[in-house]
Amino acid sequence: WAGRPAAPRLHGSFSLDLPRGTLR
């Protein structure tokens, strides 16, 4: 959506623990 009026940005940080199957 860059260049469009009031284009929002989304930021995500994740931590994946495979043995426990959890996503922080």
PDB file of all heavy atoms in Angstrom:
ATOM      1  N   TRP A   1       0.821  -1.214   0.000  1.00  0.00           N
ATOM      2  CA  TRP A   1       0.000   0.000   0.000  1.00  0.00           C
ATOM      3  C   TRP A   1       0.859   1.270   0.000  1.00  0.00           C
ATOM      4  O   TRP A   1       0.348   2.378   0.153  1.00  0.00           O
ATOM      5  CB  TRP A   1      -0.916   0.032   1.233  1.00  0.00           C
ATOM      6  CG  TRP A   1      -1.976  -1.026   1.177  1.00  0.00           C
ATOM      7  CD1 TRP A   1      -1.878  -2.280   1.662  1.00  0.00           C
ATOM      8  CD2 TRP A   1      -3.264  -0.918   0.593  1.00  0.00           C
ATOM      9  NE1 TRP A   1      -3.032  -2.980   1.411  1.00  0.00           N
ATOM     10  CE2 TRP A   1      -3.915  -2.160   0.760  1.00  0.00           C
ATOM     11  CE3 TRP A   1      -3.957   0.115  -0.059  1.00  0.00           C
ATOM     12  CZ2 TRP A   1      -5.197  -2.410   0.301  1.00  0.00           C
ATOM     13  CZ3 TRP A   1      -5.248  -0.127  -0.510  1.00  0.00           C
ATOM     14  CH2 TRP A   1      -5.849  -1.383  -0.334  1.00  0.00           C
ATOM     15  N   ALA A   2       2.168   1.125  -0.148  1.00  0.00           N
ATOM     16  CA  ALA A   2       3.051   2.292  -0.111  1.00  0.00           C
ATOM     17  C   ALA A   2       2.627   3.334  -1.139  1.00  0.00           C
ATOM     18  O   ALA A   2       2.223   3.010  -2.255  1.00  0.00           O
ATOM     19  CB  ALA A   2       4.495   1.872  -0.380  1.00  0.00           C
ATOM     20  N   GLY A   3       2.749   4.605  -0.753  1.00  0.00           N
ATOM     21  CA  GLY A   3       2.406   5.698  -1.669  1.00  0.00           C
ATOM     22  C   GLY A   3       0.944   6.061  -1.658  1.00  0.00           C
ATOM     23  O   GLY A   3       0.548   7.083  -2.236  1.00  0.00           O
ATOM     24  N   ARG A   4       0.119   5.266  -1.004  1.00  0.00           N
ATOM     25  CA  ARG A   4      -1.303   5.587  -0.929  1.00  0.00           C
ATOM     26  C   ARG A   4      -1.551   6.401   0.336  1.00  0.00           C
ATOM     27  O   ARG A   4      -0.807   6.298   1.320  1.00  0.00           O
ATOM     28  CB  ARG A   4      -2.131   4.306  -0.923  1.00  0.00           C
ATOM     29  CG  ARG A   4      -1.805   3.426  -2.138  1.00  0.00           C
ATOM     30  CD  ARG A   4      -2.700   2.211  -2.206  1.00  0.00           C
ATOM     31  NE  ARG A   4      -2.223   1.302  -3.260  1.00  0.00           N
ATOM     32  CZ  ARG A   4      -2.912   0.257  -3.680  1.00  0.00           C
ATOM     33  NH1 ARG A   4      -4.097  -0.017  -3.156  1.00  0.00           N
ATOM     34  NH2 ARG A   4      -2.416  -0.517  -4.627  1.00  0.00           N
ATOM     35  N   PRO A   5      -2.597   7.167   0.340  1.00  0.00           N
ATOM     36  CA  PRO A   5      -2.863   8.041   1.495  1.00  0.00           C
ATOM     37  C   PRO A   5      -2.992   7.234   2.786  1.00  0.00           C
ATOM     38  O   PRO A   5      -3.694   6.215   2.829  1.00  0.00           O
ATOM     39  CB  PRO A   5      -4.182   8.726   1.129  1.00  0.00           C
ATOM     40  CG  PRO A   5      -4.233   8.668  -0.359  1.00  0.00           C
ATOM     41  CD  PRO A   5      -3.570   7.385  -0.753  1.00  0.00           C
ATOM     42  N   ALA A   6      -2.326   7.701   3.813  1.00  0.00           N
ATOM     43  CA  ALA A   6      -2.438   7.124   5.162  1.00  0.00           C
ATOM     44  C   ALA A   6      -2.212   5.618   5.160  1.00  0.00           C
ATOM     45  O   ALA A   6      -2.938   4.867   5.790  1.00  0.00           O
ATOM     46  CB  ALA A   6      -3.808   7.451   5.762  1.00  0.00           C
ATOM     47  N   ALA A   7      -1.208   5.174   4.413  1.00  0.00           N
ATOM     48  CA  ALA A   7      -0.924   3.740   4.348  1.00  0.00           C
ATOM     49  C   ALA A   7      -0.398   3.248   5.693  1.00  0.00           C
ATOM     50  O   ALA A   7       0.655   3.702   6.146  1.00  0.00           O
ATOM     51  CB  ALA A   7       0.092   3.460   3.254  1.00  0.00           C
ATOM     52  N   PRO A   8      -1.088   2.330   6.374  1.00  0.00           N
ATOM     53  CA  PRO A   8      -0.595   1.821   7.657  1.00  0.00           C
ATOM     54  C   PRO A   8       0.534   0.812   7.432  1.00  0.00           C
ATOM     55  O   PRO A   8       0.627   0.174   6.389  1.00  0.00           O
ATOM     56  CB  PRO A   8      -1.820   1.142   8.257  1.00  0.00           C
ATOM     57  CG  PRO A   8      -2.611   0.696   7.068  1.00  0.00           C
ATOM     58  CD  PRO A   8      -2.379   1.734   6.000  1.00  0.00           C
ATOM     59  N   ARG A   9       1.372   0.691   8.437  1.00  0.00           N
ATOM     60  CA  ARG A   9       2.417  -0.333   8.415  1.00  0.00           C
ATOM     61  C   ARG A   9       2.193  -1.291   9.586  1.00  0.00           C
ATOM     62  O   ARG A   9       1.726  -0.900  10.656  1.00  0.00           O
ATOM     63  CB  ARG A   9       3.811   0.298   8.510  1.00  0.00           C
ATOM     64  CG  ARG A   9       4.272   0.974   7.233  1.00  0.00           C
ATOM     65  CD  ARG A   9       5.687   1.523   7.370  1.00  0.00           C
ATOM     66  NE  ARG A   9       6.666   0.481   7.648  1.00  0.00           N
ATOM     67  CZ  ARG A   9       7.239  -0.281   6.700  1.00  0.00           C
ATOM     68  NH1 ARG A   9       6.918  -0.109   5.426  1.00  0.00           N
ATOM     69  NH2 ARG A   9       8.143  -1.193   7.031  1.00  0.00           N
ATOM     70  N   LEU A  10       2.560  -2.528   9.336  1.00  0.00           N
ATOM     71  CA  LEU A  10       2.375  -3.587  10.325  1.00  0.00           C
ATOM     72  C   LEU A  10       3.755  -4.131  10.690  1.00  0.00           C
ATOM     73  O   LEU A  10       4.598  -4.375   9.821  1.00  0.00           O
ATOM     74  CB  LEU A  10       1.509  -4.702   9.732  1.00  0.00           C
ATOM     75  CG  LEU A  10       0.999  -5.826  10.625  1.00  0.00           C
ATOM     76  CD1 LEU A  10       0.180  -5.287  11.791  1.00  0.00           C
ATOM     77  CD2 LEU A  10       0.143  -6.785   9.797  1.00  0.00           C
ATOM     78  N   HIS A  11       3.994  -4.298  11.988  1.00  0.00           N
ATOM     79  CA  HIS A  11       5.269  -4.793  12.475  1.00  0.00           C
ATOM     80  C   HIS A  11       4.986  -6.002  13.372  1.00  0.00           C
ATOM     81  O   HIS A  11       4.163  -5.912  14.293  1.00  0.00           O
ATOM     82  CB  HIS A  11       6.004  -3.730  13.296  1.00  0.00           C
ATOM     83  CG  HIS A  11       6.064  -2.388  12.631  1.00  0.00           C
ATOM     84  ND1 HIS A  11       7.126  -1.981  11.870  1.00  0.00           N
ATOM     85  CD2 HIS A  11       5.167  -1.363  12.611  1.00  0.00           C
ATOM     86  CE1 HIS A  11       6.906  -0.763  11.407  1.00  0.00           C
ATOM     87  NE2 HIS A  11       5.715  -0.363  11.845  1.00  0.00           N
ATOM     88  N   GLY A  12       5.663  -7.109  13.125  1.00  0.00           N
ATOM     89  CA  GLY A  12       5.457  -8.300  13.937  1.00  0.00           C
ATOM     90  C   GLY A  12       6.761  -8.949  14.338  1.00  0.00           C
ATOM     91  O   GLY A  12       7.633  -9.175  13.489  1.00  0.00           O
ATOM     92  N   SER A  13       6.921  -9.239  15.625  1.00  0.00           N
ATOM     93  CA  SER A  13       8.067  -9.983  16.131  1.00  0.00           C
ATOM     94  C   SER A  13       7.557 -11.304  16.696  1.00  0.00           C
ATOM     95  O   SER A  13       6.555 -11.335  17.423  1.00  0.00           O
ATOM     96  CB  SER A  13       8.792  -9.197  17.223  1.00  0.00           C
ATOM     97  OG  SER A  13       9.322  -7.993  16.708  1.00  0.00           O
ATOM     98  N   PHE A  14       8.262 -12.395  16.360  1.00  0.00           N
ATOM     99  CA  PHE A  14       7.789 -13.722  16.720  1.00  0.00           C
ATOM    100  C   PHE A  14       8.924 -14.556  17.313  1.00  0.00           C
ATOM    101  O   PHE A  14      10.096 -14.374  16.981  1.00  0.00           O
ATOM    102  CB  PHE A  14       7.237 -14.443  15.487  1.00  0.00           C
ATOM    103  CG  PHE A  14       6.080 -13.744  14.840  1.00  0.00           C
ATOM    104  CD1 PHE A  14       6.294 -12.787  13.865  1.00  0.00           C
ATOM    105  CD2 PHE A  14       4.788 -14.041  15.219  1.00  0.00           C
ATOM    106  CE1 PHE A  14       5.229 -12.122  13.266  1.00  0.00           C
ATOM    107  CE2 PHE A  14       3.712 -13.390  14.630  1.00  0.00           C
ATOM    108  CZ  PHE A  14       3.936 -12.426  13.663  1.00  0.00           C
ATOM    109  N   SER A  15       8.546 -15.494  18.177  1.00  0.00           N
ATOM    110  CA  SER A  15       9.484 -16.456  18.742  1.00  0.00           C
ATOM    111  C   SER A  15       8.809 -17.828  18.685  1.00  0.00           C
ATOM    112  O   SER A  15       7.774 -18.043  19.321  1.00  0.00           O
ATOM    113  CB  SER A  15       9.832 -16.090  20.183  1.00  0.00           C
ATOM    114  OG  SER A  15      10.666 -17.068  20.756  1.00  0.00           O
ATOM    115  N   LEU A  16       9.395 -18.737  17.903  1.00  0.00           N
ATOM    116  CA  LEU A  16       8.817 -20.060  17.700  1.00  0.00           C
ATOM    117  C   LEU A  16       9.590 -21.095  18.503  1.00  0.00           C
ATOM    118  O   LEU A  16      10.781 -21.316  18.268  1.00  0.00           O
ATOM    119  CB  LEU A  16       8.842 -20.421  16.210  1.00  0.00           C
ATOM    120  CG  LEU A  16       8.401 -21.840  15.842  1.00  0.00           C
ATOM    121  CD1 LEU A  16       6.946 -22.074  16.226  1.00  0.00           C
ATOM    122  CD2 LEU A  16       8.629 -22.102  14.359  1.00  0.00           C
ATOM    123  N   ASP A  17       8.921 -21.723  19.451  1.00  0.00           N
ATOM    124  CA  ASP A  17       9.495 -22.812  20.235  1.00  0.00           C
ATOM    125  C   ASP A  17       8.969 -24.118  19.648  1.00  0.00           C
ATOM    126  O   ASP A  17       7.828 -24.511  19.898  1.00  0.00           O
ATOM    127  CB  ASP A  17       9.088 -22.667  21.707  1.00  0.00           C
ATOM    128  CG  ASP A  17       9.781 -23.667  22.615  1.00  0.00           C
ATOM    129  OD1 ASP A  17       9.988 -24.813  22.182  1.00  0.00           O
ATOM    130  OD2 ASP A  17      10.104 -23.305  23.762  1.00  0.00           O
ATOM    131  N   LEU A  18       9.795 -24.775  18.835  1.00  0.00           N
ATOM    132  CA  LEU A  18       9.340 -25.980  18.142  1.00  0.00           C
ATOM    133  C   LEU A  18       8.937 -27.102  19.097  1.00  0.00           C
ATOM    134  O   LEU A  18       7.845 -27.655  18.954  1.00  0.00           O
ATOM    135  CB  LEU A  18      10.420 -26.472  17.176  1.00  0.00           C
ATOM    136  CG  LEU A  18      10.367 -25.956  15.746  1.00  0.00           C
ATOM    137  CD1 LEU A  18      11.522 -26.534  14.941  1.00  0.00           C
ATOM    138  CD2 LEU A  18       9.050 -26.322  15.087  1.00  0.00           C
ATOM    139  N   PRO A  19       9.774 -27.503  20.064  1.00  0.00           N
ATOM    140  CA  PRO A  19       9.373 -28.619  20.920  1.00  0.00           C
ATOM    141  C   PRO A  19       8.044 -28.397  21.639  1.00  0.00           C
ATOM    142  O   PRO A  19       7.249 -29.324  21.782  1.00  0.00           O
ATOM    143  CB  PRO A  19      10.537 -28.735  21.910  1.00  0.00           C
ATOM    144  CG  PRO A  19      11.715 -28.225  21.139  1.00  0.00           C
ATOM    145  CD  PRO A  19      11.153 -27.085  20.339  1.00  0.00           C
ATOM    146  N   ARG A  20       7.809 -27.172  22.072  1.00  0.00           N
ATOM    147  CA  ARG A  20       6.548 -26.894  22.768  1.00  0.00           C
ATOM    148  C   ARG A  20       5.424 -26.525  21.804  1.00  0.00           C
ATOM    149  O   ARG A  20       4.266 -26.440  22.206  1.00  0.00           O
ATOM    150  CB  ARG A  20       6.747 -25.780  23.799  1.00  0.00           C
ATOM    151  CG  ARG A  20       7.592 -26.208  24.983  1.00  0.00           C
ATOM    152  CD  ARG A  20       7.795 -25.081  25.977  1.00  0.00           C
ATOM    153  NE  ARG A  20       8.456 -25.548  27.190  1.00  0.00           N
ATOM    154  CZ  ARG A  20       9.756 -25.730  27.313  1.00  0.00           C
ATOM    155  NH1 ARG A  20      10.546 -25.458  26.281  1.00  0.00           N
ATOM    156  NH2 ARG A  20      10.284 -26.172  28.436  1.00  0.00           N
ATOM    157  N   GLY A  21       5.751 -26.259  20.568  1.00  0.00           N
ATOM    158  CA  GLY A  21       4.738 -25.908  19.579  1.00  0.00           C
ATOM    159  C   GLY A  21       4.066 -24.590  19.863  1.00  0.00           C
ATOM    160  O   GLY A  21       2.887 -24.413  19.580  1.00  0.00           O
ATOM    161  N   THR A  22       4.822 -23.635  20.424  1.00  0.00           N
ATOM    162  CA  THR A  22       4.237 -22.340  20.779  1.00  0.00           C
ATOM    163  C   THR A  22       4.843 -21.227  19.933  1.00  0.00           C
ATOM    164  O   THR A  22       6.021 -21.262  19.568  1.00  0.00           O
ATOM    165  CB  THR A  22       4.459 -22.014  22.268  1.00  0.00           C
ATOM    166  OG1 THR A  22       5.858 -22.041  22.563  1.00  0.00           O
ATOM    167  CG2 THR A  22       3.727 -23.020  23.145  1.00  0.00           C
ATOM    168  N   LEU A  23       4.029 -20.237  19.651  1.00  0.00           N
ATOM    169  CA  LEU A  23       4.450 -19.065  18.891  1.00  0.00           C
ATOM    170  C   LEU A  23       4.139 -17.825  19.716  1.00  0.00           C
ATOM    171  O   LEU A  23       2.978 -17.471  19.934  1.00  0.00           O
ATOM    172  CB  LEU A  23       3.720 -19.000  17.544  1.00  0.00           C
ATOM    173  CG  LEU A  23       4.102 -17.832  16.628  1.00  0.00           C
ATOM    174  CD1 LEU A  23       5.545 -17.990  16.143  1.00  0.00           C
ATOM    175  CD2 LEU A  23       3.141 -17.739  15.446  1.00  0.00           C
ATOM    176  N   ARG A  24       5.197 -17.162  20.186  1.00  0.00           N
ATOM    177  CA  ARG A  24       5.054 -15.911  20.929  1.00  0.00           C
ATOM    178  C   ARG A  24       5.055 -14.763  19.930  1.00  0.00           C
ATOM    179  O   ARG A  24       5.872 -14.733  19.007  1.00  0.00           O
ATOM    180  CB  ARG A  24       6.223 -15.759  21.902  1.00  0.00           C
ATOM    181  CG  ARG A  24       6.286 -14.442  22.651  1.00  0.00           C
ATOM    182  CD  ARG A  24       5.273 -14.355  23.746  1.00  0.00           C
ATOM    183  NE  ARG A  24       5.349 -13.075  24.438  1.00  0.00           N
ATOM    184  CZ  ARG A  24       4.405 -12.626  25.242  1.00  0.00           C
ATOM    185  NH1 ARG A  24       3.320 -13.359  25.459  1.00  0.00           N
ATOM    186  NH2 ARG A  24       4.527 -11.465  25.840  1.00  0.00           N
TER     187      ARG A  24
END
